[in-house]
Protein backbone atom coordinates (compact mmCIF):
# COMPACT_ATOMS: atom_id res chain seq x y z
CA ILE A 1 -42.16 -60.18 48.98
CA ALA A 2 -40.44 -63.59 48.25
CA THR A 3 -39.78 -64.35 44.60
CA SER A 4 -38.86 -67.61 43.04
CA ARG A 5 -38.57 -67.80 39.31
CA ASN A 6 -41.61 -66.17 37.88
CA ASN A 7 -43.79 -66.85 40.93
CA ILE A 8 -44.37 -64.00 43.26
CA GLN A 9 -45.60 -64.97 46.69
CA MET A 10 -46.68 -62.50 49.37
CA MET A 11 -45.28 -62.93 52.85
CA ARG A 12 -48.05 -63.21 55.40
CA ASN A 13 -47.90 -61.53 58.85
CA CYS A 14 -50.97 -63.06 60.26
CA PRO A 15 -52.96 -66.25 59.68
CA SER A 16 -56.32 -65.82 57.93
CA SER A 17 -59.45 -65.70 60.09
CA ASN A 18 -60.34 -69.30 58.90
CA GLU A 19 -56.96 -70.53 60.13
CA ARG A 20 -57.34 -68.77 63.44
CA GLU A 21 -60.82 -70.17 63.95
CA GLY A 22 -59.64 -73.65 63.12
CA ASN A 23 -56.83 -73.42 65.60
CA ILE A 24 -59.17 -72.21 68.29
CA ARG A 25 -61.69 -75.00 67.58
CA ALA A 26 -58.86 -77.56 67.83
CA MET A 27 -57.89 -76.38 71.33
CA THR A 28 -59.07 -77.95 74.51
CA HIS A 29 -61.10 -75.92 77.00
CA GLU A 30 -58.03 -75.26 79.15
CA GLU A 31 -56.00 -74.08 76.22
CA ARG A 32 -58.78 -71.76 75.16
CA MET A 33 -58.95 -70.30 78.60
CA LYS A 34 -55.27 -69.79 78.69
CA TYR A 35 -55.38 -68.19 75.24
CA ALA A 36 -58.27 -65.85 76.33
CA ASN A 37 -56.40 -64.77 79.44
CA HIS A 38 -53.35 -64.11 77.38
CA ARG A 39 -55.30 -61.93 74.91
CA GLN A 40 -56.92 -60.05 77.83
CA ALA A 41 -53.48 -59.35 79.28
CA MET A 42 -52.30 -57.95 75.99
CA GLY A 43 -55.28 -55.68 75.83
CA SER A 44 -54.63 -54.45 79.30
CA GLY A 45 -50.96 -53.80 78.40
CA LEU A 46 -52.07 -51.71 75.46
CA VAL A 47 -54.30 -49.54 77.73
CA VAL A 48 -51.48 -48.97 80.19
CA SER A 49 -49.15 -48.16 77.26
CA GLY A 50 -51.69 -45.62 75.98
CA ILE A 51 -51.87 -43.99 79.37
CA GLY A 52 -48.08 -43.79 79.45
CA CYS A 53 -48.03 -42.34 75.98
CA PHE A 54 -50.57 -39.76 76.91
CA ALA A 55 -48.88 -38.75 80.17
CA GLY A 56 -45.45 -38.56 78.51
CA LEU A 57 -46.54 -36.42 75.58
CA ALA A 58 -48.79 -34.16 77.55
CA GLY A 59 -46.17 -33.61 80.27
CA GLY A 60 -43.33 -33.25 77.80
CA LEU A 61 -45.08 -30.75 75.53
CA TRP A 62 -46.81 -28.78 78.33
CA GLY A 63 -44.04 -26.22 78.53
CA SER A 64 -44.05 -25.37 74.86
CA MET A 65 -47.73 -25.92 73.90
CA GLY A 66 -49.72 -25.43 77.11
CA GLY A 67 -53.23 -26.99 77.15
CA SER A 68 -53.02 -28.10 73.58
CA SER A 69 -50.51 -30.73 74.63
CA ILE A 70 -53.48 -32.74 76.14
CA ALA A 71 -54.96 -33.04 72.65
CA VAL A 72 -51.68 -34.21 71.28
CA GLY A 73 -51.46 -36.87 74.08
CA ILE A 74 -55.01 -38.07 73.53
CA GLY A 75 -54.51 -38.21 69.72
CA ALA A 76 -51.32 -40.21 70.03
CA ALA A 77 -52.71 -42.57 72.64
CA SER A 78 -55.99 -43.17 71.00
CA GLY A 79 -54.47 -45.70 68.50
CA LEU A 80 -53.27 -47.78 71.43
CA TRP A 81 -56.57 -47.61 73.24
CA ALA A 82 -58.42 -48.55 70.02
CA ALA A 83 -56.00 -51.54 69.43
CA SER A 84 -56.79 -52.87 72.96
CA CYS A 85 -60.41 -53.63 72.06
């Protein structure tokens, strides 16, 4: 939170949906295709990260928890898989 005098302004992490839509509409076709390919690559990266998270947790906890470690791996990786959509 940034404060100046009596004015409180919230810091923004992401542009609003209207700003994003305006930016995309202002792009040329080639820029849009490059942007779409970049977004697809980010989604693929999240899927691979989720698989790594699942394998690491399931393998690491197998000795102490047994089969329940699979549920822990799925639970931890599901957030990454959901974010990739």
